[in-house]
Amino acid sequence: MALRAAAICGLLAPITFIAGWLIGGLAQPAEYSVVDHDVSDLGALTAGKPWLYNQLGSNLTGLLLFVLALGLWKTVGTSRSARIGVIAFGVFAVGTFLDGLFRLDCRKIDEGCDRTSSWHAAAHLVGPVLQFSVFVAVFALALAFRKSTRWRDLWIASLASGLAALVSLVLFSLPGEGLEVRVATTILFAWVALVSYRLLRIAQETTAASSAAPMDI
């Protein structure tokens, strides 16, 4: 049951995160651009309906990701790469949660905007730094998956996802900082969904095996 809950949380995380910045973007004025402006602007003090990004896209998503990390801890294995990967994923979850807790003072589109003049806006910079640990998680877990019978067929997909996300940060930085983050996070959350689905299958197999085991009389 615990593994199933962790898997479901992981499957919900991409939905809440992407919904947070998609719907949150629609709540901003026409001057806001998904290509040129940072996702974090959606949760600024001056943003329209900031709860969409802060509470839905960040806080809730961070909690869901952390529960998924607990499920991965139990199933991926005890190798060094597995432990490093899951811990890094947990740090990513915490960073995602904090991203919506510490808010920027204003959006880039606001006239005379100094987005980091307050303590909470300065603290906001911690979130993205912690979130970058997702790349450590992807590559470390790819190595761990390669050593695990249950996860082995996902190691190449995990490696490819991490590389694709890194490449997108470079390629799409030319059009604008907003687009590069959105493309990279979409790739990474697609990987989260893939991993979560596999964890759900493992949970179902574990439950079925337990049900089929003979009972002591």
N, C-alpha and C. Protein backbone atom coordinates (compact mmCIF):
# COMPACT_ATOMS: atom_id res chain seq x y z
N MET A 1 0.82 -1.21 0.00
CA MET A 1 0.00 0.00 0.00
C MET A 1 0.86 1.26 0.00
N ALA A 2 1.96 1.25 0.79
CA ALA A 2 2.84 2.42 0.86
C ALA A 2 3.50 2.69 -0.49
N LEU A 3 3.96 1.63 -1.16
CA LEU A 3 4.58 1.81 -2.47
C LEU A 3 3.57 2.32 -3.49
N ARG A 4 2.36 1.81 -3.41
CA ARG A 4 1.31 2.26 -4.33
C ARG A 4 1.02 3.74 -4.13
N ALA A 5 0.95 4.17 -2.88
CA ALA A 5 0.70 5.58 -2.58
C ALA A 5 1.83 6.46 -3.10
N ALA A 6 3.08 5.99 -2.92
CA ALA A 6 4.23 6.74 -3.40
C ALA A 6 4.19 6.87 -4.93
N ALA A 7 3.81 5.78 -5.60
CA ALA A 7 3.74 5.79 -7.06
C ALA A 7 2.66 6.75 -7.55
N ILE A 8 1.51 6.73 -6.91
CA ILE A 8 0.41 7.61 -7.30
C ILE A 8 0.81 9.07 -7.09
N CYS A 9 1.50 9.35 -5.98
CA CYS A 9 1.99 10.71 -5.74
C CYS A 9 2.94 11.14 -6.86
N GLY A 10 3.81 10.22 -7.28
CA GLY A 10 4.73 10.53 -8.36
C GLY A 10 4.02 10.80 -9.68
N LEU A 11 2.95 10.07 -9.94
CA LEU A 11 2.19 10.29 -11.17
C LEU A 11 1.43 11.60 -11.14
N LEU A 12 1.04 12.05 -9.95
CA LEU A 12 0.32 13.31 -9.82
C LEU A 12 1.25 14.52 -9.91
N ALA A 13 2.52 14.35 -9.51
CA ALA A 13 3.45 15.47 -9.46
C ALA A 13 3.62 16.20 -10.80
N PRO A 14 3.81 15.51 -11.93
CA PRO A 14 3.93 16.24 -13.20
C PRO A 14 2.66 17.02 -13.54
N ILE A 15 1.50 16.48 -13.14
CA ILE A 15 0.24 17.16 -13.43
C ILE A 15 0.13 18.45 -12.64
N THR A 16 0.41 18.39 -11.34
CA THR A 16 0.29 19.59 -10.51
C THR A 16 1.34 20.63 -10.88
N PHE A 17 2.55 20.18 -11.21
CA PHE A 17 3.60 21.15 -11.55
C PHE A 17 3.28 21.87 -12.85
N ILE A 18 2.99 21.10 -13.90
CA ILE A 18 2.75 21.72 -15.20
C ILE A 18 1.46 22.53 -15.18
N ALA A 19 0.44 22.05 -14.47
CA ALA A 19 -0.80 22.83 -14.35
C ALA A 19 -0.54 24.15 -13.64
N GLY A 20 0.36 24.12 -12.64
CA GLY A 20 0.67 25.34 -11.90
C GLY A 20 1.23 26.42 -12.79
N TRP A 21 2.19 26.08 -13.66
CA TRP A 21 2.75 27.15 -14.49
C TRP A 21 1.96 27.41 -15.77
N LEU A 22 1.20 26.44 -16.23
CA LEU A 22 0.35 26.70 -17.39
C LEU A 22 -0.82 27.62 -17.04
N ILE A 23 -1.58 27.23 -16.01
CA ILE A 23 -2.74 28.03 -15.61
C ILE A 23 -2.29 29.34 -14.97
N GLY A 24 -1.18 29.27 -14.19
CA GLY A 24 -0.65 30.49 -13.60
C GLY A 24 -0.23 31.49 -14.65
N GLY A 25 0.30 31.03 -15.76
CA GLY A 25 0.69 31.92 -16.84
C GLY A 25 -0.49 32.62 -17.47
N LEU A 26 -1.62 31.92 -17.55
CA LEU A 26 -2.83 32.51 -18.13
C LEU A 26 -3.39 33.62 -17.25
N ALA A 27 -3.05 33.59 -15.96
CA ALA A 27 -3.55 34.60 -15.03
C ALA A 27 -2.75 35.90 -15.08
N GLN A 28 -1.64 35.91 -15.83
CA GLN A 28 -0.80 37.11 -15.93
C GLN A 28 -1.24 37.97 -17.11
N PRO A 29 -0.84 39.24 -17.11
CA PRO A 29 -1.18 40.12 -18.25
C PRO A 29 -0.48 39.69 -19.52
N ALA A 30 -0.87 40.29 -20.63
CA ALA A 30 -0.35 39.90 -21.94
C ALA A 30 1.15 40.12 -22.05
N GLU A 31 1.71 41.02 -21.23
CA GLU A 31 3.15 41.30 -21.30
C GLU A 31 3.99 40.12 -20.83
N TYR A 32 3.38 39.24 -20.05
CA TYR A 32 4.13 38.08 -19.56
C TYR A 32 4.32 37.09 -20.70
N SER A 33 5.56 36.62 -20.87
CA SER A 33 5.89 35.71 -21.96
C SER A 33 6.49 34.43 -21.40
N VAL A 34 5.97 33.30 -21.83
CA VAL A 34 6.52 32.01 -21.39
C VAL A 34 7.91 31.78 -21.97
N VAL A 35 8.25 32.52 -23.02
CA VAL A 35 9.57 32.39 -23.65
C VAL A 35 10.61 33.22 -22.91
N ASP A 36 10.25 34.44 -22.55
CA ASP A 36 11.23 35.38 -22.00
C ASP A 36 11.27 35.47 -20.48
N HIS A 37 10.19 35.07 -19.80
CA HIS A 37 10.11 35.33 -18.37
C HIS A 37 10.15 34.04 -17.55
N ASP A 38 10.78 34.16 -16.41
CA ASP A 38 11.01 33.02 -15.53
C ASP A 38 9.71 32.48 -14.96
N VAL A 39 9.67 31.18 -14.72
CA VAL A 39 8.50 30.54 -14.11
C VAL A 39 8.23 31.09 -12.72
N SER A 40 9.29 31.40 -11.98
CA SER A 40 9.12 31.88 -10.60
C SER A 40 8.37 33.20 -10.52
N ASP A 41 8.33 33.96 -11.61
CA ASP A 41 7.57 35.21 -11.62
C ASP A 41 6.09 34.96 -11.36
N LEU A 42 5.62 33.76 -11.66
CA LEU A 42 4.21 33.43 -11.48
C LEU A 42 3.81 33.41 -10.01
N GLY A 43 4.78 33.27 -9.11
CA GLY A 43 4.48 33.24 -7.68
C GLY A 43 4.89 34.50 -6.95
N ALA A 44 5.31 35.53 -7.68
CA ALA A 44 5.77 36.78 -7.06
C ALA A 44 4.62 37.48 -6.33
N LEU A 45 4.99 38.42 -5.45
CA LEU A 45 3.98 39.15 -4.69
C LEU A 45 3.02 39.93 -5.58
N THR A 46 3.49 40.33 -6.75
CA THR A 46 2.66 41.12 -7.66
C THR A 46 1.97 40.26 -8.73
N ALA A 47 2.17 38.95 -8.68
CA ALA A 47 1.61 38.07 -9.71
C ALA A 47 0.09 37.94 -9.57
N GLY A 48 -0.55 37.65 -10.69
CA GLY A 48 -1.98 37.35 -10.67
C GLY A 48 -2.20 35.91 -10.25
N LYS A 49 -3.03 35.72 -9.23
CA LYS A 49 -3.31 34.38 -8.69
C LYS A 49 -2.03 33.58 -8.43
N PRO A 50 -1.14 34.09 -7.58
CA PRO A 50 0.13 33.40 -7.34
C PRO A 50 0.00 32.03 -6.70
N TRP A 51 -1.14 31.75 -6.06
CA TRP A 51 -1.32 30.44 -5.41
C TRP A 51 -1.28 29.30 -6.43
N LEU A 52 -1.61 29.60 -7.67
CA LEU A 52 -1.59 28.55 -8.68
C LEU A 52 -0.18 27.97 -8.84
N TYR A 53 0.80 28.86 -8.81
CA TYR A 53 2.18 28.38 -8.91
C TYR A 53 2.74 27.99 -7.54
N ASN A 54 2.51 28.83 -6.54
CA ASN A 54 3.13 28.60 -5.24
C ASN A 54 2.59 27.36 -4.53
N GLN A 55 1.27 27.28 -4.40
CA GLN A 55 0.69 26.17 -3.64
C GLN A 55 0.48 24.91 -4.50
N LEU A 56 0.04 25.10 -5.74
CA LEU A 56 -0.22 23.94 -6.61
C LEU A 56 1.06 23.47 -7.31
N GLY A 57 1.73 24.39 -7.98
CA GLY A 57 2.89 24.01 -8.77
C GLY A 57 4.14 23.73 -7.97
N SER A 58 4.25 24.33 -6.76
CA SER A 58 5.48 24.16 -5.98
C SER A 58 5.26 23.38 -4.68
N ASN A 59 4.45 23.92 -3.76
CA ASN A 59 4.28 23.27 -2.46
C ASN A 59 3.73 21.86 -2.58
N LEU A 60 2.60 21.72 -3.27
CA LEU A 60 1.99 20.40 -3.41
C LEU A 60 2.88 19.47 -4.21
N THR A 61 3.46 19.98 -5.29
CA THR A 61 4.34 19.15 -6.11
C THR A 61 5.55 18.67 -5.31
N GLY A 62 6.12 19.55 -4.50
CA GLY A 62 7.26 19.17 -3.68
C GLY A 62 6.92 18.05 -2.71
N LEU A 63 5.75 18.14 -2.09
CA LEU A 63 5.32 17.09 -1.16
C LEU A 63 5.11 15.76 -1.89
N LEU A 64 4.50 15.82 -3.06
CA LEU A 64 4.27 14.60 -3.84
C LEU A 64 5.60 13.95 -4.25
N LEU A 65 6.55 14.78 -4.65
CA LEU A 65 7.86 14.26 -5.05
C LEU A 65 8.59 13.63 -3.87
N PHE A 66 8.43 14.21 -2.68
CA PHE A 66 9.10 13.67 -1.51
C PHE A 66 8.55 12.29 -1.14
N VAL A 67 7.24 12.12 -1.27
CA VAL A 67 6.64 10.81 -1.01
C VAL A 67 7.14 9.80 -2.02
N LEU A 68 7.27 10.22 -3.28
CA LEU A 68 7.84 9.33 -4.30
C LEU A 68 9.26 8.93 -3.93
N ALA A 69 10.04 9.87 -3.41
CA ALA A 69 11.42 9.56 -3.01
C ALA A 69 11.46 8.47 -1.94
N LEU A 70 10.50 8.51 -1.02
CA LEU A 70 10.43 7.48 0.02
C LEU A 70 10.16 6.11 -0.59
N GLY A 71 9.30 6.07 -1.61
CA GLY A 71 9.03 4.81 -2.29
C GLY A 71 10.24 4.29 -3.04
N LEU A 72 10.98 5.19 -3.67
CA LEU A 72 12.19 4.79 -4.39
C LEU A 72 13.25 4.26 -3.44
N TRP A 73 13.33 4.85 -2.25
CA TRP A 73 14.31 4.41 -1.25
C TRP A 73 14.13 2.94 -0.91
N LYS A 74 12.88 2.48 -0.92
CA LYS A 74 12.58 1.11 -0.53
C LYS A 74 12.79 0.10 -1.67
N THR A 75 12.85 0.58 -2.90
CA THR A 75 12.81 -0.36 -4.03
C THR A 75 14.03 -0.33 -4.94
N VAL A 76 14.75 0.78 -5.00
CA VAL A 76 15.82 0.91 -5.99
C VAL A 76 17.05 0.10 -5.61
N GLY A 77 17.28 -0.08 -4.31
CA GLY A 77 18.45 -0.84 -3.87
C GLY A 77 19.28 -0.07 -2.87
N THR A 78 20.35 -0.69 -2.44
CA THR A 78 21.19 -0.08 -1.41
C THR A 78 22.59 0.27 -1.92
N SER A 79 22.78 0.24 -3.21
CA SER A 79 24.08 0.61 -3.76
C SER A 79 24.34 2.10 -3.55
N ARG A 80 25.59 2.48 -3.70
CA ARG A 80 25.94 3.89 -3.50
C ARG A 80 25.20 4.79 -4.47
N SER A 81 25.12 4.37 -5.73
CA SER A 81 24.44 5.19 -6.74
C SER A 81 22.95 5.31 -6.42
N ALA A 82 22.36 4.23 -5.90
CA ALA A 82 20.94 4.26 -5.54
C ALA A 82 20.69 5.24 -4.40
N ARG A 83 21.52 5.17 -3.37
CA ARG A 83 21.34 6.05 -2.22
C ARG A 83 21.57 7.51 -2.60
N ILE A 84 22.63 7.76 -3.37
CA ILE A 84 22.91 9.13 -3.81
C ILE A 84 21.76 9.66 -4.66
N GLY A 85 21.27 8.82 -5.57
CA GLY A 85 20.19 9.23 -6.45
C GLY A 85 18.92 9.58 -5.71
N VAL A 86 18.53 8.73 -4.76
CA VAL A 86 17.29 8.98 -4.02
C VAL A 86 17.43 10.19 -3.11
N ILE A 87 18.57 10.34 -2.46
CA ILE A 87 18.79 11.51 -1.60
C ILE A 87 18.76 12.79 -2.44
N ALA A 88 19.39 12.77 -3.60
CA ALA A 88 19.37 13.93 -4.48
C ALA A 88 17.95 14.23 -4.95
N PHE A 89 17.18 13.18 -5.18
CA PHE A 89 15.79 13.37 -5.59
C PHE A 89 14.99 14.01 -4.44
N GLY A 90 15.28 13.59 -3.21
CA GLY A 90 14.62 14.20 -2.06
C GLY A 90 14.97 15.67 -1.92
N VAL A 91 16.23 16.02 -2.18
CA VAL A 91 16.65 17.42 -2.16
C VAL A 91 15.91 18.21 -3.23
N PHE A 92 15.76 17.62 -4.40
CA PHE A 92 14.97 18.22 -5.48
C PHE A 92 13.55 18.49 -5.02
N ALA A 93 12.95 17.55 -4.31
CA ALA A 93 11.59 17.72 -3.80
C ALA A 93 11.51 18.88 -2.82
N VAL A 94 12.48 18.96 -1.92
CA VAL A 94 12.52 20.06 -0.95
C VAL A 94 12.69 21.40 -1.65
N GLY A 95 13.57 21.45 -2.64
CA GLY A 95 13.77 22.68 -3.40
C GLY A 95 12.52 23.12 -4.13
N THR A 96 11.78 22.16 -4.67
CA THR A 96 10.52 22.47 -5.34
C THR A 96 9.51 23.05 -4.36
N PHE A 97 9.44 22.49 -3.17
CA PHE A 97 8.53 23.00 -2.13
C PHE A 97 8.91 24.43 -1.73
N LEU A 98 10.20 24.67 -1.51
CA LEU A 98 10.66 25.99 -1.06
C LEU A 98 10.48 27.05 -2.14
N ASP A 99 10.48 26.64 -3.39
CA ASP A 99 10.32 27.59 -4.50
C ASP A 99 9.01 28.36 -4.39
N GLY A 100 7.99 27.72 -3.84
CA GLY A 100 6.72 28.39 -3.68
C GLY A 100 6.52 29.01 -2.31
N LEU A 101 7.45 28.75 -1.40
CA LEU A 101 7.34 29.30 -0.05
C LEU A 101 8.00 30.67 0.05
N PHE A 102 9.20 30.79 -0.54
CA PHE A 102 9.92 32.07 -0.56
C PHE A 102 9.65 32.75 -1.89
N ARG A 103 8.95 33.87 -1.84
CA ARG A 103 8.43 34.49 -3.06
C ARG A 103 9.27 35.69 -3.50
N LEU A 104 9.35 35.89 -4.80
CA LEU A 104 9.97 37.08 -5.35
C LEU A 104 9.10 38.30 -5.04
N ASP A 105 9.73 39.49 -5.00
CA ASP A 105 8.98 40.70 -4.67
C ASP A 105 8.11 41.18 -5.83
N CYS A 106 8.53 40.89 -7.04
CA CYS A 106 7.77 41.35 -8.20
C CYS A 106 8.16 40.53 -9.42
N ARG A 107 7.45 40.77 -10.50
CA ARG A 107 7.74 40.09 -11.76
C ARG A 107 8.67 40.94 -12.62
N LYS A 108 9.32 40.31 -13.55
CA LYS A 108 10.21 41.04 -14.45
C LYS A 108 9.46 42.07 -15.28
N ILE A 109 8.19 41.82 -15.53
CA ILE A 109 7.40 42.75 -16.35
C ILE A 109 6.95 43.97 -15.57
N ASP A 110 7.10 43.96 -14.23
CA ASP A 110 6.68 45.10 -13.42
C ASP A 110 7.71 46.23 -13.55
N GLU A 111 7.21 47.45 -13.74
CA GLU A 111 8.09 48.60 -13.92
C GLU A 111 8.92 48.86 -12.66
N GLY A 112 10.22 49.08 -12.86
CA GLY A 112 11.12 49.34 -11.74
C GLY A 112 11.29 48.16 -10.81
N CYS A 113 11.18 46.97 -11.32
CA CYS A 113 11.17 45.76 -10.49
C CYS A 113 12.57 45.40 -10.00
N ASP A 114 12.67 45.21 -8.68
CA ASP A 114 13.85 44.61 -8.07
C ASP A 114 13.35 43.35 -7.38
N ARG A 115 13.51 42.22 -8.04
CA ARG A 115 12.82 41.00 -7.60
C ARG A 115 13.38 40.41 -6.32
N THR A 116 14.57 40.81 -5.89
CA THR A 116 15.19 40.17 -4.72
C THR A 116 15.58 41.18 -3.65
N SER A 117 14.74 42.18 -3.39
CA SER A 117 15.08 43.20 -2.40
C SER A 117 14.76 42.77 -0.97
N SER A 118 13.85 41.84 -0.78
CA SER A 118 13.46 41.40 0.56
C SER A 118 14.20 40.11 0.92
N TRP A 119 14.13 39.73 2.21
CA TRP A 119 14.81 38.51 2.66
C TRP A 119 14.21 37.27 2.03
N HIS A 120 12.86 37.25 1.90
CA HIS A 120 12.23 36.04 1.35
C HIS A 120 12.49 35.92 -0.14
N ALA A 121 12.65 37.06 -0.82
CA ALA A 121 12.98 37.01 -2.24
C ALA A 121 14.43 36.53 -2.45
N ALA A 122 15.32 36.98 -1.55
CA ALA A 122 16.70 36.50 -1.62
C ALA A 122 16.76 35.01 -1.31
N ALA A 123 15.96 34.58 -0.33
CA ALA A 123 15.91 33.15 0.03
C ALA A 123 15.34 32.31 -1.10
N HIS A 124 14.56 32.93 -1.97
CA HIS A 124 13.97 32.22 -3.10
C HIS A 124 15.04 31.58 -3.98
N LEU A 125 16.22 32.18 -4.00
CA LEU A 125 17.30 31.66 -4.84
C LEU A 125 17.77 30.29 -4.39
N VAL A 126 17.46 29.93 -3.12
CA VAL A 126 17.87 28.62 -2.61
C VAL A 126 17.12 27.51 -3.34
N GLY A 127 15.84 27.74 -3.62
CA GLY A 127 15.01 26.72 -4.26
C GLY A 127 15.58 26.20 -5.57
N PRO A 128 15.88 27.08 -6.54
CA PRO A 128 16.44 26.61 -7.81
C PRO A 128 17.77 25.89 -7.65
N VAL A 129 18.59 26.33 -6.69
CA VAL A 129 19.87 25.64 -6.45
C VAL A 129 19.64 24.20 -6.01
N LEU A 130 18.69 24.02 -5.08
CA LEU A 130 18.37 22.67 -4.62
C LEU A 130 17.72 21.85 -5.72
N GLN A 131 16.89 22.50 -6.54
CA GLN A 131 16.21 21.79 -7.62
C GLN A 131 17.18 21.25 -8.66
N PHE A 132 18.33 21.90 -8.80
CA PHE A 132 19.30 21.43 -9.78
C PHE A 132 19.84 20.05 -9.43
N SER A 133 19.64 19.63 -8.18
CA SER A 133 20.09 18.29 -7.77
C SER A 133 19.33 17.19 -8.50
N VAL A 134 18.26 17.56 -9.22
CA VAL A 134 17.52 16.55 -9.97
C VAL A 134 18.42 15.89 -11.02
N PHE A 135 19.41 16.63 -11.51
CA PHE A 135 20.32 16.04 -12.50
C PHE A 135 21.21 14.99 -11.86
N VAL A 136 21.64 15.25 -10.63
CA VAL A 136 22.38 14.23 -9.89
C VAL A 136 21.51 13.00 -9.71
N ALA A 137 20.23 13.24 -9.37
CA ALA A 137 19.29 12.13 -9.16
C ALA A 137 19.10 11.30 -10.42
N VAL A 138 18.89 11.95 -11.53
CA VAL A 138 18.63 11.23 -12.79
C VAL A 138 19.82 10.35 -13.17
N PHE A 139 21.01 10.91 -13.14
CA PHE A 139 22.18 10.15 -13.59
C PHE A 139 22.58 9.08 -12.58
N ALA A 140 22.48 9.38 -11.29
CA ALA A 140 22.81 8.37 -10.28
C ALA A 140 21.79 7.23 -10.31
N LEU A 141 20.52 7.56 -10.46
CA LEU A 141 19.50 6.51 -10.52
C LEU A 141 19.61 5.70 -11.80
N ALA A 142 20.06 6.32 -12.88
CA ALA A 142 20.28 5.55 -14.11
C ALA A 142 21.30 4.43 -13.87
N LEU A 143 22.36 4.75 -13.12
CA LEU A 143 23.35 3.73 -12.78
C LEU A 143 22.76 2.69 -11.85
N ALA A 144 21.95 3.14 -10.89
CA ALA A 144 21.33 2.21 -9.96
C ALA A 144 20.34 1.29 -10.68
N PHE A 145 19.59 1.84 -11.62
CA PHE A 145 18.62 1.04 -12.37
C PHE A 145 19.33 -0.06 -13.16
N ARG A 146 20.50 0.26 -13.66
CA ARG A 146 21.24 -0.72 -14.46
C ARG A 146 21.60 -1.96 -13.63
N LYS A 147 21.73 -1.78 -12.32
CA LYS A 147 22.11 -2.88 -11.44
C LYS A 147 20.91 -3.63 -10.86
N SER A 148 19.70 -3.13 -11.13
CA SER A 148 18.51 -3.71 -10.52
C SER A 148 17.67 -4.46 -11.55
N THR A 149 17.25 -5.65 -11.21
CA THR A 149 16.43 -6.45 -12.13
C THR A 149 15.10 -5.77 -12.42
N ARG A 150 14.50 -5.19 -11.40
CA ARG A 150 13.19 -4.56 -11.57
C ARG A 150 13.24 -3.27 -12.39
N TRP A 151 14.39 -2.60 -12.37
CA TRP A 151 14.48 -1.27 -12.98
C TRP A 151 15.39 -1.23 -14.21
N ARG A 152 16.06 -2.33 -14.54
CA ARG A 152 17.15 -2.29 -15.51
C ARG A 152 16.75 -1.69 -16.86
N ASP A 153 15.57 -1.99 -17.33
CA ASP A 153 15.19 -1.51 -18.66
C ASP A 153 14.91 0.00 -18.70
N LEU A 154 14.96 0.68 -17.55
CA LEU A 154 14.74 2.12 -17.53
C LEU A 154 16.04 2.91 -17.45
N TRP A 155 17.18 2.24 -17.37
CA TRP A 155 18.41 2.99 -17.14
C TRP A 155 18.81 3.83 -18.35
N ILE A 156 18.59 3.32 -19.55
CA ILE A 156 18.92 4.09 -20.75
C ILE A 156 17.97 5.27 -20.91
N ALA A 157 16.68 5.04 -20.66
CA ALA A 157 15.69 6.12 -20.74
C ALA A 157 16.01 7.21 -19.72
N SER A 158 16.47 6.81 -18.55
CA SER A 158 16.82 7.78 -17.51
C SER A 158 18.03 8.60 -17.94
N LEU A 159 19.04 7.91 -18.45
CA LEU A 159 20.24 8.60 -18.92
C LEU A 159 19.90 9.58 -20.05
N ALA A 160 19.06 9.13 -20.98
CA ALA A 160 18.67 9.97 -22.10
C ALA A 160 17.86 11.18 -21.64
N SER A 161 17.02 10.99 -20.64
CA SER A 161 16.21 12.10 -20.12
C SER A 161 17.09 13.18 -19.51
N GLY A 162 18.07 12.75 -18.72
CA GLY A 162 18.98 13.71 -18.10
C GLY A 162 19.78 14.48 -19.14
N LEU A 163 20.29 13.77 -20.14
CA LEU A 163 21.07 14.42 -21.19
C LEU A 163 20.20 15.37 -22.01
N ALA A 164 18.98 14.95 -22.33
CA ALA A 164 18.07 15.79 -23.11
C ALA A 164 17.72 17.07 -22.36
N ALA A 165 17.51 16.94 -21.05
CA ALA A 165 17.18 18.12 -20.24
C ALA A 165 18.36 19.09 -20.19
N LEU A 166 19.58 18.57 -20.05
CA LEU A 166 20.76 19.43 -20.04
C LEU A 166 20.95 20.14 -21.38
N VAL A 167 20.77 19.39 -22.46
CA VAL A 167 20.92 19.98 -23.80
C VAL A 167 19.87 21.06 -24.03
N SER A 168 18.65 20.83 -23.56
CA SER A 168 17.59 21.82 -23.75
C SER A 168 17.89 23.12 -23.01
N LEU A 169 18.56 23.02 -21.86
CA LEU A 169 18.94 24.23 -21.13
C LEU A 169 19.89 25.10 -21.94
N VAL A 170 20.71 24.47 -22.76
CA VAL A 170 21.64 25.21 -23.60
C VAL A 170 20.96 25.72 -24.87
N LEU A 171 20.26 24.84 -25.56
CA LEU A 171 19.65 25.21 -26.84
C LEU A 171 18.56 26.27 -26.69
N PHE A 172 17.70 26.09 -25.69
CA PHE A 172 16.56 26.99 -25.56
C PHE A 172 16.87 28.23 -24.72
N SER A 173 18.11 28.36 -24.27
CA SER A 173 18.49 29.60 -23.58
C SER A 173 18.62 30.75 -24.57
N LEU A 174 18.82 30.41 -25.84
CA LEU A 174 18.95 31.45 -26.87
C LEU A 174 17.63 32.19 -27.09
N PRO A 175 16.49 31.49 -27.25
CA PRO A 175 15.22 32.22 -27.38
C PRO A 175 14.84 32.98 -26.11
N GLY A 176 15.04 32.38 -24.92
CA GLY A 176 14.67 33.07 -23.69
C GLY A 176 14.79 32.17 -22.48
N GLU A 177 15.02 32.79 -21.29
CA GLU A 177 15.22 32.02 -20.07
C GLU A 177 13.97 31.27 -19.64
N GLY A 178 12.80 31.78 -19.99
CA GLY A 178 11.57 31.10 -19.61
C GLY A 178 11.37 29.80 -20.35
N LEU A 179 11.72 29.80 -21.64
CA LEU A 179 11.50 28.62 -22.46
C LEU A 179 12.44 27.48 -22.07
N GLU A 180 13.69 27.80 -21.78
CA GLU A 180 14.66 26.74 -21.45
C GLU A 180 14.24 25.99 -20.19
N VAL A 181 13.75 26.71 -19.19
CA VAL A 181 13.32 26.06 -17.95
C VAL A 181 12.10 25.20 -18.19
N ARG A 182 11.16 25.70 -18.97
CA ARG A 182 9.93 24.95 -19.22
C ARG A 182 10.19 23.67 -20.00
N VAL A 183 11.04 23.73 -21.00
CA VAL A 183 11.33 22.54 -21.81
C VAL A 183 12.08 21.51 -20.95
N ALA A 184 13.09 21.97 -20.20
CA ALA A 184 13.88 21.05 -19.39
C ALA A 184 13.03 20.39 -18.31
N THR A 185 12.20 21.17 -17.64
CA THR A 185 11.37 20.59 -16.57
C THR A 185 10.30 19.66 -17.13
N THR A 186 9.81 19.94 -18.32
CA THR A 186 8.84 19.05 -18.93
C THR A 186 9.48 17.68 -19.21
N ILE A 187 10.72 17.69 -19.70
CA ILE A 187 11.43 16.44 -19.94
C ILE A 187 11.66 15.69 -18.63
N LEU A 188 12.08 16.41 -17.61
CA LEU A 188 12.38 15.77 -16.33
C LEU A 188 11.13 15.22 -15.66
N PHE A 189 10.02 15.94 -15.77
CA PHE A 189 8.79 15.45 -15.16
C PHE A 189 8.18 14.31 -15.96
N ALA A 190 8.48 14.24 -17.25
CA ALA A 190 8.09 13.06 -18.02
C ALA A 190 8.84 11.84 -17.48
N TRP A 191 10.11 12.04 -17.13
CA TRP A 191 10.91 10.97 -16.51
C TRP A 191 10.33 10.58 -15.16
N VAL A 192 9.91 11.56 -14.38
CA VAL A 192 9.28 11.29 -13.08
C VAL A 192 8.05 10.42 -13.27
N ALA A 193 7.24 10.73 -14.29
CA ALA A 193 6.05 9.94 -14.56
C ALA A 193 6.41 8.50 -14.95
N LEU A 194 7.46 8.35 -15.74
CA LEU A 194 7.90 7.02 -16.16
C LEU A 194 8.36 6.19 -14.96
N VAL A 195 9.16 6.80 -14.10
CA VAL A 195 9.64 6.12 -12.90
C VAL A 195 8.47 5.77 -11.97
N SER A 196 7.53 6.69 -11.85
CA SER A 196 6.37 6.47 -10.97
C SER A 196 5.51 5.32 -11.47
N TYR A 197 5.35 5.24 -12.78
CA TYR A 197 4.56 4.14 -13.35
C TYR A 197 5.23 2.80 -13.08
N ARG A 198 6.56 2.76 -13.19
CA ARG A 198 7.27 1.53 -12.90
C ARG A 198 7.11 1.17 -11.41
N LEU A 199 7.18 2.17 -10.54
CA LEU A 199 7.00 1.90 -9.11
C LEU A 199 5.60 1.37 -8.84
N LEU A 200 4.61 1.86 -9.56
CA LEU A 200 3.25 1.36 -9.41
C LEU A 200 3.17 -0.10 -9.82
N ARG A 201 3.84 -0.47 -10.91
CA ARG A 201 3.87 -1.86 -11.34
C ARG A 201 4.54 -2.75 -10.29
N ILE A 202 5.61 -2.25 -9.72
CA ILE A 202 6.31 -3.00 -8.67
C ILE A 202 5.40 -3.19 -7.45
N ALA A 203 4.66 -2.13 -7.10
CA ALA A 203 3.74 -2.22 -5.97
C ALA A 203 2.66 -3.26 -6.23
N GLN A 204 2.14 -3.29 -7.45
CA GLN A 204 1.11 -4.27 -7.81
C GLN A 204 1.66 -5.69 -7.77
N GLU A 205 2.89 -5.86 -8.27
CA GLU A 205 3.50 -7.19 -8.26
C GLU A 205 3.76 -7.65 -6.83
N THR A 206 4.18 -6.73 -5.97
CA THR A 206 4.44 -7.06 -4.58
C THR A 206 3.16 -7.47 -3.87
N THR A 207 2.07 -6.75 -4.14
CA THR A 207 0.78 -7.07 -3.54
C THR A 207 0.28 -8.43 -4.02
N ALA A 208 0.44 -8.68 -5.32
CA ALA A 208 -0.01 -9.96 -5.88
C ALA A 208 0.79 -11.11 -5.31
N ALA A 209 2.10 -10.92 -5.14
CA ALA A 209 2.93 -11.98 -4.58
C ALA A 209 2.57 -12.27 -3.12
N SER A 210 2.23 -11.22 -2.39
CA SER A 210 1.85 -11.40 -0.99
C SER A 210 0.53 -12.15 -0.88
N SER A 211 -0.39 -11.83 -1.81
CA SER A 211 -1.71 -12.50 -1.80
C SER A 211 -1.59 -13.96 -2.18
N ALA A 212 -0.63 -14.27 -3.07
CA ALA A 212 -0.49 -15.64 -3.56
C ALA A 212 0.31 -16.51 -2.59
N ALA A 213 1.03 -15.90 -1.65
CA ALA A 213 1.86 -16.67 -0.72
C ALA A 213 0.97 -17.50 0.19
N PRO A 214 1.33 -18.77 0.44
CA PRO A 214 0.52 -19.64 1.33
C PRO A 214 0.53 -19.11 2.76
N MET A 215 -0.59 -19.26 3.40
CA MET A 215 -0.74 -18.79 4.77
C MET A 215 -0.39 -19.91 5.75
N ASP A 216 0.33 -19.54 6.81
CA ASP A 216 0.65 -20.52 7.86
C ASP A 216 -0.59 -20.80 8.71
N ILE A 217 -0.81 -22.05 8.97
CA ILE A 217 -1.98 -22.44 9.79
C ILE A 217 -1.50 -22.94 11.15
